Amino acid sequence: MRGILAFIDIFGQKMHYEEQGNGKPVLMVHGNPSSGYSFRKVMPSIAKLGRAIAIDHMGFGESGKPNIEYSYFQHTAFFEEFIDRMALRDITLIIQDWGSAIGFDYAARHQNNVRGIMFYESIIKPYASWDEFPKSDLNDPTRSLFQQMRMGDKGGPGWRLNVDQNIFITQLLPNLLDVKLPDDQMEHYRAPFRKPEWRIPIWRFPKEIPIADEPADVCATVASYSKVIGGSNIPKLLIWSSSGATLVEEHVEWLKQNFRCLTIVQLASGVHFFQESNVDEFVQAFADWFVKL
């Protein structure tokens, strides 16, 4: 059963969110190219522990599709305004993919309002070079595909891949989900990007990945929140899998050395959307950690 589905006006645009349960807020923040819908399997269990809230970033899910750049910094502004407008206090964050870059940045700037952070498949620091960008083996085309996605501006090679061909949804997403969903559930992932003009948000995010000092402003922000969050006393829970797409063992080792107050749980499997493919492990890891906050 899904919770209350609602909209709130943020900067003149409708932001969609779902909530269920009562108590201290647990805010779930999705990445690219998903939505708050991706947390539907874990939300009922999390709602037994607190007020579970899952948002749709602008341009994603059922949120509005304004004529904006969909830059990382615009998403962070919408996110912060959502928290302020909803008067959320003493928040526990559950963050993944670009939701992690948005959530970590908020936490770094508002440490007194963040009770804890659960993160996975996350952007924990800038990539010094493409050699640090994960790929599972020598035959994995993901790294080269993301390099192509970053090429050019509107109308360029990356635009043609994501806007014209919709490759993120048709090719990458099914593999990242690591679970075969019924077609009616897959439609929740496909529908927000049915029209080419609706795919600008999923085109923009790959161009914002902080790699080799580009984009400079995103790299600076990610480096800053990495240092601040790493040194903070905010309790942090990392869940990861050896088959993960984004956060791999070398990152786990780095986190052990650089993130204080860190609990680590390794899952038996999973690629990127652990909330879809590893529901029981996900919920158990969160519950065990959350009750100790």
C-alpha atoms as a PDB file:
ATOM      1  CA  MET A   1       0.000   0.000   0.000  1.00  0.00           C
ATOM      2  CA  ARG A   2       1.310   3.435  -0.940  1.00  0.00           C
ATOM      3  CA  GLY A   3       1.029   6.410   1.369  1.00  0.00           C
ATOM      4  CA  ILE A   4      -0.403   9.887   0.916  1.00  0.00           C
ATOM      5  CA  LEU A   5       0.445  11.307  -2.521  1.00  0.00           C
ATOM      6  CA  ALA A   6       0.647  15.093  -2.540  1.00  0.00           C
ATOM      7  CA  PHE A   7       2.054  18.195  -4.224  1.00  0.00           C
ATOM      8  CA  ILE A   8       3.642  21.309  -2.790  1.00  0.00           C
ATOM      9  CA  ASP A   9       4.393  24.573  -4.554  1.00  0.00           C
ATOM     10  CA  ILE A  10       8.143  25.237  -4.744  1.00  0.00           C
ATOM     11  CA  PHE A  11       9.334  28.338  -6.588  1.00  0.00           C
ATOM     12  CA  GLY A  12       6.070  28.383  -8.524  1.00  0.00           C
ATOM     13  CA  GLN A  13       6.356  24.723  -9.566  1.00  0.00           C
ATOM     14  CA  LYS A  14       4.585  21.622  -8.303  1.00  0.00           C
ATOM     15  CA  MET A  15       6.845  19.169  -6.485  1.00  0.00           C
ATOM     16  CA  HIS A  16       5.371  15.733  -5.907  1.00  0.00           C
ATOM     17  CA  TYR A  17       5.990  13.671  -2.788  1.00  0.00           C
ATOM     18  CA  GLU A  18       4.629  10.671  -0.941  1.00  0.00           C
ATOM     19  CA  GLU A  19       4.484  10.227   2.813  1.00  0.00           C
ATOM     20  CA  GLN A  20       3.463   7.564   5.250  1.00  0.00           C
ATOM     21  CA  GLY A  21       3.742   7.133   9.015  1.00  0.00           C
ATOM     22  CA  ASN A  22       4.404   9.493  11.912  1.00  0.00           C
ATOM     23  CA  GLY A  23       7.305  10.617  14.035  1.00  0.00           C
ATOM     24  CA  LYS A  24      10.690  12.008  13.099  1.00  0.00           C
ATOM     25  CA  PRO A  25      11.041  12.515   9.324  1.00  0.00           C
ATOM     26  CA  VAL A  26      12.919  10.017   7.189  1.00  0.00           C
ATOM     27  CA  LEU A  27      13.469  11.695   3.819  1.00  0.00           C
ATOM     28  CA  MET A  28      14.228   9.418   0.849  1.00  0.00           C
ATOM     29  CA  VAL A  29      16.038  11.085  -2.044  1.00  0.00           C
ATOM     30  CA  HIS A  30      16.227   9.373  -5.433  1.00  0.00           C
ATOM     31  CA  GLY A  31      18.735   9.682  -8.252  1.00  0.00           C
ATOM     32  CA  ASN A  32      18.778   9.576 -12.042  1.00  0.00           C
ATOM     33  CA  PRO A  33      16.542   8.436 -13.798  1.00  0.00           C
ATOM     34  CA  SER A  34      14.047   7.387 -11.127  1.00  0.00           C
ATOM     35  CA  SER A  35      11.638   8.988  -8.662  1.00  0.00           C
ATOM     36  CA  GLY A  36      10.231   8.592  -5.192  1.00  0.00           C
ATOM     37  CA  TYR A  37       8.224   5.681  -6.589  1.00  0.00           C
ATOM     38  CA  SER A  38      11.403   3.580  -6.393  1.00  0.00           C
ATOM     39  CA  PHE A  39      11.065   3.547  -2.574  1.00  0.00           C
ATOM     40  CA  ARG A  40       7.513   2.141  -2.553  1.00  0.00           C
ATOM     41  CA  LYS A  41       8.642  -1.357  -1.435  1.00  0.00           C
ATOM     42  CA  VAL A  42      10.588  -0.128   1.589  1.00  0.00           C
ATOM     43  CA  MET A  43       8.365   2.781   2.614  1.00  0.00           C
ATOM     44  CA  PRO A  44       5.790   0.783   4.644  1.00  0.00           C
ATOM     45  CA  SER A  45       8.525  -0.702   6.844  1.00  0.00           C
ATOM     46  CA  ILE A  46      10.294   2.636   7.254  1.00  0.00           C
ATOM     47  CA  ALA A  47       6.945   4.260   8.103  1.00  0.00           C
ATOM     48  CA  LYS A  48       6.743   1.997  11.152  1.00  0.00           C
ATOM     49  CA  LEU A  49       9.847   3.765  12.463  1.00  0.00           C
ATOM     50  CA  GLY A  50       9.126   7.375  11.506  1.00  0.00           C
ATOM     51  CA  ARG A  51       7.473   9.732   9.063  1.00  0.00           C
ATOM     52  CA  ALA A  52       8.640   8.340   5.720  1.00  0.00           C
ATOM     53  CA  ILE A  53       8.742  10.883   2.878  1.00  0.00           C
ATOM     54  CA  ALA A  54       9.865  10.273  -0.706  1.00  0.00           C
ATOM     55  CA  ILE A  55      10.161  13.207  -3.095  1.00  0.00           C
ATOM     56  CA  ASP A  56      10.255  13.498  -6.879  1.00  0.00           C
ATOM     57  CA  HIS A  57      12.953  15.915  -8.027  1.00  0.00           C
ATOM     58  CA  MET A  58      11.760  18.566 -10.431  1.00  0.00           C
ATOM     59  CA  GLY A  59      11.366  17.027 -13.880  1.00  0.00           C
ATOM     60  CA  PHE A  60      11.187  13.513 -12.421  1.00  0.00           C
ATOM     61  CA  GLY A  61       8.264  11.323 -11.432  1.00  0.00           C
ATOM     62  CA  GLU A  62       5.091  13.355 -11.115  1.00  0.00           C
ATOM     63  CA  SER A  63       6.763  16.674 -10.304  1.00  0.00           C
ATOM     64  CA  GLY A  64       6.504  19.593 -12.699  1.00  0.00           C
ATOM     65  CA  LYS A  65       8.533  19.964 -15.869  1.00  0.00           C
ATOM     66  CA  PRO A  66       9.530  23.643 -15.903  1.00  0.00           C
ATOM     67  CA  ASN A  67      11.678  25.193 -18.602  1.00  0.00           C
ATOM     68  CA  ILE A  68      14.913  25.276 -16.568  1.00  0.00           C
ATOM     69  CA  GLU A  69      18.449  23.956 -17.014  1.00  0.00           C
ATOM     70  CA  TYR A  70      17.981  21.153 -14.462  1.00  0.00           C
ATOM     71  CA  SER A  71      21.427  21.788 -13.074  1.00  0.00           C
ATOM     72  CA  TYR A  72      22.645  20.140  -9.890  1.00  0.00           C
ATOM     73  CA  PHE A  73      22.416  23.480  -8.096  1.00  0.00           C
ATOM     74  CA  GLN A  74      18.819  24.013  -9.154  1.00  0.00           C
ATOM     75  CA  HIS A  75      17.941  20.595  -7.741  1.00  0.00           C
ATOM     76  CA  THR A  76      19.669  21.408  -4.451  1.00  0.00           C
ATOM     77  CA  ALA A  77      17.717  24.679  -4.244  1.00  0.00           C
ATOM     78  CA  PHE A  78      14.372  22.908  -4.798  1.00  0.00           C
ATOM     79  CA  PHE A  79      15.341  20.277  -2.220  1.00  0.00           C
ATOM     80  CA  GLU A  80      16.271  22.781   0.467  1.00  0.00           C
ATOM     81  CA  GLU A  81      13.115  24.794  -0.163  1.00  0.00           C
ATOM     82  CA  PHE A  82      11.032  21.616   0.133  1.00  0.00           C
ATOM     83  CA  ILE A  83      12.518  20.919   3.557  1.00  0.00           C
ATOM     84  CA  ASP A  84      11.873  24.500   4.661  1.00  0.00           C
ATOM     85  CA  ARG A  85       8.316  24.605   3.323  1.00  0.00           C
ATOM     86  CA  MET A  86       7.487  21.250   4.934  1.00  0.00           C
ATOM     87  CA  ALA A  87       9.134  22.404   8.179  1.00  0.00           C
ATOM     88  CA  LEU A  88      11.085  19.155   8.449  1.00  0.00           C
ATOM     89  CA  ARG A  89      13.305  19.018  11.514  1.00  0.00           C
ATOM     90  CA  ASP A  90      15.749  16.416  12.864  1.00  0.00           C
ATOM     91  CA  ILE A  91      15.803  14.606   9.515  1.00  0.00           C
ATOM     92  CA  THR A  92      17.220  11.200   8.715  1.00  0.00           C
ATOM     93  CA  LEU A  93      18.250  11.035   5.061  1.00  0.00           C
ATOM     94  CA  ILE A  94      18.167   7.956   2.823  1.00  0.00           C
ATOM     95  CA  ILE A  95      20.092   8.964  -0.292  1.00  0.00           C
ATOM     96  CA  GLN A  96      21.233   7.299  -3.503  1.00  0.00           C
ATOM     97  CA  ASP A  97      22.917   8.296  -6.775  1.00  0.00           C
ATOM     98  CA  TRP A  98      22.318  12.019  -7.460  1.00  0.00           C
ATOM     99  CA  GLY A  99      20.070  12.060  -4.430  1.00  0.00           C
ATOM    100  CA  SER A 100      23.255  11.522  -2.442  1.00  0.00           C
ATOM    101  CA  ALA A 101      24.973  14.578  -3.922  1.00  0.00           C
ATOM    102  CA  ILE A 102      21.863  16.625  -3.162  1.00  0.00           C
ATOM    103  CA  GLY A 103      21.427  15.162   0.328  1.00  0.00           C
ATOM    104  CA  PHE A 104      25.089  15.290   1.342  1.00  0.00           C
ATOM    105  CA  ASP A 105      25.279  18.938   0.289  1.00  0.00           C
ATOM    106  CA  TYR A 106      22.217  19.791   2.379  1.00  0.00           C
ATOM    107  CA  ALA A 107      23.603  17.890   5.368  1.00  0.00           C
ATOM    108  CA  ALA A 108      26.974  19.635   5.121  1.00  0.00           C
ATOM    109  CA  ARG A 109      25.279  23.031   5.244  1.00  0.00           C
ATOM    110  CA  HIS A 110      22.612  22.118   7.828  1.00  0.00           C
ATOM    111  CA  GLN A 111      24.299  19.659  10.167  1.00  0.00           C
ATOM    112  CA  ASN A 112      22.083  20.648  13.083  1.00  0.00           C
ATOM    113  CA  ASN A 113      18.985  19.535  11.175  1.00  0.00           C
ATOM    114  CA  VAL A 114      20.251  16.104  10.137  1.00  0.00           C
ATOM    115  CA  ARG A 115      19.932  13.227  12.575  1.00  0.00           C
ATOM    116  CA  GLY A 116      21.554  10.556  10.404  1.00  0.00           C
ATOM    117  CA  ILE A 117      22.403   9.604   6.819  1.00  0.00           C
ATOM    118  CA  MET A 118      21.906   6.231   5.155  1.00  0.00           C
ATOM    119  CA  PHE A 119      23.602   6.186   1.766  1.00  0.00           C
ATOM    120  CA  TYR A 120      24.366   3.746  -1.031  1.00  0.00           C
ATOM    121  CA  GLU A 121      25.496   3.860  -4.650  1.00  0.00           C
ATOM    122  CA  SER A 122      26.531   7.422  -3.915  1.00  0.00           C
ATOM    123  CA  ILE A 123      28.759  10.272  -5.032  1.00  0.00           C
ATOM    124  CA  ILE A 124      31.083  10.456  -2.047  1.00  0.00           C
ATOM    125  CA  LYS A 125      33.851  12.579  -3.595  1.00  0.00           C
ATOM    126  CA  PRO A 126      34.937  13.893  -7.013  1.00  0.00           C
ATOM    127  CA  TYR A 127      36.523  11.394  -9.408  1.00  0.00           C
ATOM    128  CA  ALA A 128      40.103  12.503 -10.053  1.00  0.00           C
ATOM    129  CA  SER A 129      39.986  10.937 -13.529  1.00  0.00           C
ATOM    130  CA  TRP A 130      37.921   8.592 -15.658  1.00  0.00           C
ATOM    131  CA  ASP A 131      40.122   5.750 -14.394  1.00  0.00           C
ATOM    132  CA  GLU A 132      38.347   6.132 -11.036  1.00  0.00           C
ATOM    133  CA  PHE A 133      34.876   5.974 -12.591  1.00  0.00           C
ATOM    134  CA  PRO A 134      33.609   2.455 -11.863  1.00  0.00           C
ATOM    135  CA  LYS A 135      33.202  -0.284 -14.414  1.00  0.00           C
ATOM    136  CA  SER A 136      32.748  -3.932 -13.585  1.00  0.00           C
ATOM    137  CA  ASP A 137      35.171  -5.427 -16.107  1.00  0.00           C
ATOM    138  CA  LEU A 138      37.061  -4.704 -19.302  1.00  0.00           C
ATOM    139  CA  ASN A 139      34.024  -5.523 -21.410  1.00  0.00           C
ATOM    140  CA  ASP A 140      31.690  -3.199 -19.534  1.00  0.00           C
ATOM    141  CA  PRO A 141      30.678  -0.295 -21.827  1.00  0.00           C
ATOM    142  CA  THR A 142      29.254   1.871 -19.017  1.00  0.00           C
ATOM    143  CA  ARG A 143      32.286   4.139 -18.632  1.00  0.00           C
ATOM    144  CA  SER A 144      32.565   4.858 -22.354  1.00  0.00           C
ATOM    145  CA  LEU A 145      28.795   5.374 -22.550  1.00  0.00           C
ATOM    146  CA  PHE A 146      28.905   8.019 -19.826  1.00  0.00           C
ATOM    147  CA  GLN A 147      31.821   9.674 -21.589  1.00  0.00           C
ATOM    148  CA  GLN A 148      29.672   9.904 -24.700  1.00  0.00           C
ATOM    149  CA  MET A 149      26.737  11.234 -22.686  1.00  0.00           C
ATOM    150  CA  ARG A 150      28.867  14.189 -21.577  1.00  0.00           C
ATOM    151  CA  MET A 151      29.877  15.156 -25.113  1.00  0.00           C
ATOM    152  CA  GLY A 152      28.535  18.357 -26.591  1.00  0.00           C
ATOM    153  CA  ASP A 153      25.625  20.554 -25.627  1.00  0.00           C
ATOM    154  CA  LYS A 154      22.033  20.591 -26.865  1.00  0.00           C
ATOM    155  CA  GLY A 155      21.899  18.672 -30.131  1.00  0.00           C
ATOM    156  CA  GLY A 156      25.337  17.114 -29.528  1.00  0.00           C
ATOM    157  CA  PRO A 157      26.301  13.436 -29.127  1.00  0.00           C
ATOM    158  CA  GLY A 158      25.156  13.198 -25.500  1.00  0.00           C
ATOM    159  CA  TRP A 159      21.881  14.911 -26.339  1.00  0.00           C
ATOM    160  CA  ARG A 160      21.230  12.463 -29.151  1.00  0.00           C
ATOM    161  CA  LEU A 161      21.826   9.514 -26.829  1.00  0.00           C
ATOM    162  CA  ASN A 162      19.633  10.635 -23.936  1.00  0.00           C
ATOM    163  CA  VAL A 163      17.055  12.968 -25.471  1.00  0.00           C
ATOM    164  CA  ASP A 164      16.616  11.603 -28.985  1.00  0.00           C
ATOM    165  CA  GLN A 165      17.309   7.899 -28.338  1.00  0.00           C
ATOM    166  CA  ASN A 166      16.270   7.723 -24.657  1.00  0.00           C
ATOM    167  CA  ILE A 167      19.158   5.326 -23.994  1.00  0.00           C
ATOM    168  CA  PHE A 168      19.215   5.845 -20.210  1.00  0.00           C
ATOM    169  CA  ILE A 169      15.683   4.492 -19.897  1.00  0.00           C
ATOM    170  CA  THR A 170      15.755   1.806 -22.580  1.00  0.00           C
ATOM    171  CA  GLN A 171      19.284   0.437 -22.072  1.00  0.00           C
ATOM    172  CA  LEU A 172      20.814   1.396 -18.709  1.00  0.00           C
ATOM    173  CA  LEU A 173      17.821   1.392 -16.369  1.00  0.00           C
ATOM    174  CA  PRO A 174      16.773  -2.270 -16.749  1.00  0.00           C
ATOM    175  CA  ASN A 175      20.303  -3.434 -15.898  1.00  0.00           C
ATOM    176  CA  LEU A 176      20.631  -1.037 -12.975  1.00  0.00           C
ATOM    177  CA  LEU A 177      17.343  -2.219 -11.477  1.00  0.00           C
ATOM    178  CA  ASP A 178      18.738  -5.781 -11.218  1.00  0.00           C
ATOM    179  CA  VAL A 179      15.178  -7.109 -10.945  1.00  0.00           C
ATOM    180  CA  LYS A 180      12.514  -7.701 -13.565  1.00  0.00           C
ATOM    181  CA  LEU A 181       9.496  -5.566 -12.758  1.00  0.00           C
ATOM    182  CA  PRO A 182       5.970  -6.028 -14.125  1.00  0.00           C
ATOM    183  CA  ASP A 183       5.244  -3.727 -17.027  1.00  0.00           C
ATOM    184  CA  ASP A 184       2.843  -1.553 -15.028  1.00  0.00           C
ATOM    185  CA  GLN A 185       5.644  -0.835 -12.549  1.00  0.00           C
ATOM    186  CA  MET A 186       8.199  -0.198 -15.285  1.00  0.00           C
ATOM    187  CA  GLU A 187       5.743   2.308 -16.722  1.00  0.00           C
ATOM    188  CA  HIS A 188       6.269   4.454 -13.614  1.00  0.00           C
ATOM    189  CA  TYR A 189       9.940   4.692 -14.621  1.00  0.00           C
ATOM    190  CA  ARG A 190       9.260   5.265 -18.336  1.00  0.00           C
ATOM    191  CA  ALA A 191       6.287   7.627 -18.248  1.00  0.00           C
ATOM    192  CA  PRO A 192       8.036  10.790 -16.965  1.00  0.00           C
ATOM    193  CA  PHE A 193      10.347  10.681 -19.993  1.00  0.00           C
ATOM    194  CA  ARG A 194       7.871   9.655 -22.678  1.00  0.00           C
ATOM    195  CA  LYS A 195       8.435  12.825 -24.706  1.00  0.00           C
ATOM    196  CA  PRO A 196      11.934  13.889 -25.864  1.00  0.00           C
ATOM    197  CA  GLU A 197      11.587  17.327 -24.269  1.00  0.00           C
ATOM    198  CA  TRP A 198      10.913  15.655 -20.921  1.00  0.00           C
ATOM    199  CA  ARG A 199      14.343  13.933 -21.029  1.00  0.00           C
ATOM    200  CA  ILE A 200      16.426  17.057 -20.464  1.00  0.00           C
ATOM    201  CA  PRO A 201      16.841  16.260 -16.706  1.00  0.00           C
ATOM    202  CA  ILE A 202      18.301  12.811 -17.417  1.00  0.00           C
ATOM    203  CA  TRP A 203      20.590  14.317 -20.069  1.00  0.00           C
ATOM    204  CA  ARG A 204      21.864  17.006 -17.721  1.00  0.00           C
ATOM    205  CA  PHE A 205      22.821  14.838 -14.744  1.00  0.00           C
ATOM    206  CA  PRO A 206      25.588  12.841 -16.506  1.00  0.00           C
ATOM    207  CA  LYS A 207      27.133  16.141 -17.594  1.00  0.00           C
ATOM    208  CA  GLU A 208      27.269  17.175 -13.921  1.00  0.00           C
ATOM    209  CA  ILE A 209      29.198  14.133 -12.633  1.00  0.00           C
ATOM    210  CA  PRO A 210      32.332  15.557 -10.947  1.00  0.00           C
ATOM    211  CA  ILE A 211      35.162  14.011 -12.988  1.00  0.00           C
ATOM    212  CA  ALA A 212      38.676  15.348 -13.671  1.00  0.00           C
ATOM    213  CA  ASP A 213      37.819  18.815 -12.317  1.00  0.00           C
ATOM    214  CA  GLU A 214      34.781  19.179 -14.584  1.00  0.00           C
ATOM    215  CA  PRO A 215      32.347  20.788 -14.014  1.00  0.00           C
ATOM    216  CA  ALA A 216      34.491  22.919 -11.724  1.00  0.00           C
ATOM    217  CA  ASP A 217      31.634  24.247  -9.570  1.00  0.00           C
ATOM    218  CA  VAL A 218      30.153  20.789  -8.993  1.00  0.00           C
ATOM    219  CA  CYS A 219      33.583  19.328  -8.219  1.00  0.00           C
ATOM    220  CA  ALA A 220      34.202  22.073  -5.661  1.00  0.00           C
ATOM    221  CA  THR A 221      30.854  21.494  -3.972  1.00  0.00           C
ATOM    222  CA  VAL A 222      31.260  17.710  -3.853  1.00  0.00           C
ATOM    223  CA  ALA A 223      34.807  18.026  -2.487  1.00  0.00           C
ATOM    224  CA  SER A 224      33.519  20.417   0.172  1.00  0.00           C
ATOM    225  CA  TYR A 225      30.622  18.255   1.355  1.00  0.00           C
ATOM    226  CA  SER A 226      32.825  15.171   1.303  1.00  0.00           C
ATOM    227  CA  LYS A 227      35.241  16.808   3.718  1.00  0.00           C
ATOM    228  CA  VAL A 228      32.541  18.272   5.950  1.00  0.00           C
ATOM    229  CA  ILE A 229      30.382  15.132   6.145  1.00  0.00           C
ATOM    230  CA  GLY A 230      33.429  12.900   6.528  1.00  0.00           C
ATOM    231  CA  GLY A 231      34.567  14.863   9.560  1.00  0.00           C
ATOM    232  CA  SER A 232      31.133  15.352  11.108  1.00  0.00           C
ATOM    233  CA  ASN A 233      29.610  13.482  14.022  1.00  0.00           C
ATOM    234  CA  ILE A 234      26.424  12.772  12.085  1.00  0.00           C
ATOM    235  CA  PRO A 235      25.806   8.999  12.266  1.00  0.00           C
ATOM    236  CA  LYS A 236      26.186   7.464   8.825  1.00  0.00           C
ATOM    237  CA  LEU A 237      25.151   4.080   7.430  1.00  0.00           C
ATOM    238  CA  LEU A 238      26.620   2.765   4.193  1.00  0.00           C
ATOM    239  CA  ILE A 239      25.031  -0.236   2.496  1.00  0.00           C
ATOM    240  CA  TRP A 240      26.921  -1.594  -0.460  1.00  0.00           C
ATOM    241  CA  SER A 241      27.306  -4.621  -2.687  1.00  0.00           C
ATOM    242  CA  SER A 242      30.380  -6.086  -4.367  1.00  0.00           C
ATOM    243  CA  SER A 243      28.332  -6.029  -7.581  1.00  0.00           C
ATOM    244  CA  GLY A 244      27.367  -2.383  -7.164  1.00  0.00           C
ATOM    245  CA  ALA A 245      27.481  -0.125 -10.210  1.00  0.00           C
ATOM    246  CA  THR A 246      28.678   3.103  -8.600  1.00  0.00           C
ATOM    247  CA  LEU A 247      30.174   2.554  -5.160  1.00  0.00           C
ATOM    248  CA  VAL A 248      32.724  -0.268  -5.223  1.00  0.00           C
ATOM    249  CA  GLU A 249      35.176  -1.811  -2.764  1.00  0.00           C
ATOM    250  CA  GLU A 250      37.892   0.789  -3.262  1.00  0.00           C
ATOM    251  CA  HIS A 251      35.375   3.463  -2.283  1.00  0.00           C
ATOM    252  CA  VAL A 252      34.422   1.502   0.817  1.00  0.00           C
ATOM    253  CA  GLU A 253      38.069   1.409   1.851  1.00  0.00           C
ATOM    254  CA  TRP A 254      38.332   5.153   1.286  1.00  0.00           C
ATOM    255  CA  LEU A 255      35.224   5.747   3.365  1.00  0.00           C
ATOM    256  CA  LYS A 256      36.644   3.706   6.244  1.00  0.00           C
ATOM    257  CA  GLN A 257      39.578   6.103   6.361  1.00  0.00           C
ATOM    258  CA  ASN A 258      37.725   9.359   5.747  1.00  0.00           C
ATOM    259  CA  PHE A 259      34.165   9.167   7.154  1.00  0.00           C
ATOM    260  CA  ARG A 260      33.678   9.288  10.909  1.00  0.00           C
ATOM    261  CA  CYS A 261      30.721   7.708  12.725  1.00  0.00           C
ATOM    262  CA  LEU A 262      30.263   5.224   9.892  1.00  0.00           C
ATOM    263  CA  THR A 263      28.458   1.888  10.036  1.00  0.00           C
ATOM    264  CA  ILE A 264      28.943  -0.419   7.038  1.00  0.00           C
ATOM    265  CA  VAL A 265      26.630  -3.219   5.905  1.00  0.00           C
ATOM    266  CA  GLN A 266      27.499  -5.336   2.887  1.00  0.00           C
ATOM    267  CA  LEU A 267      24.559  -6.795   0.987  1.00  0.00           C
ATOM    268  CA  ALA A 268      24.561 -10.265  -0.543  1.00  0.00           C
ATOM    269  CA  SER A 269      23.861  -8.857  -4.015  1.00  0.00           C
ATOM    270  CA  GLY A 270      22.469  -5.814  -5.805  1.00  0.00           C
ATOM    271  CA  VAL A 271      23.561  -3.441  -8.555  1.00  0.00           C
ATOM    272  CA  HIS A 272      22.189   0.064  -8.020  1.00  0.00           C
ATOM    273  CA  PHE A 273      18.551   0.165  -6.868  1.00  0.00           C
ATOM    274  CA  PHE A 274      18.837  -1.793  -3.628  1.00  0.00           C
ATOM    275  CA  GLN A 275      15.396  -0.513  -2.598  1.00  0.00           C
ATOM    276  CA  GLU A 276      13.987  -2.510  -5.530  1.00  0.00           C
ATOM    277  CA  SER A 277      16.191  -5.612  -5.534  1.00  0.00           C
ATOM    278  CA  ASN A 278      17.240  -6.101  -1.883  1.00  0.00           C
ATOM    279  CA  VAL A 279      14.165  -5.023   0.056  1.00  0.00           C
ATOM    280  CA  ASP A 280      14.539  -7.196   3.167  1.00  0.00           C
ATOM    281  CA  GLU A 281      18.255  -6.481   3.588  1.00  0.00           C
ATOM    282  CA  PHE A 282      17.662  -2.776   2.968  1.00  0.00           C
ATOM    283  CA  VAL A 283      14.924  -2.498   5.577  1.00  0.00           C
ATOM    284  CA  GLN A 284      16.762  -4.597   8.162  1.00  0.00           C
ATOM    285  CA  ALA A 285      19.989  -2.627   7.834  1.00  0.00           C
ATOM    286  CA  PHE A 286      18.131   0.662   8.186  1.00  0.00           C
ATOM    287  CA  ALA A 287      16.011  -0.480  11.145  1.00  0.00           C
ATOM    288  CA  ASP A 288      18.973  -1.898  13.090  1.00  0.00           C
ATOM    289  CA  TRP A 289      20.866   1.372  12.648  1.00  0.00           C
ATOM    290  CA  PHE A 290      17.961   3.802  13.015  1.00  0.00           C
ATOM    291  CA  VAL A 291      16.766   2.571  16.397  1.00  0.00           C
ATOM    292  CA  LYS A 292      20.209   3.383  17.831  1.00  0.00           C
ATOM    293  CA  LEU A 293      20.252   7.021  16.687  1.00  0.00           C
END
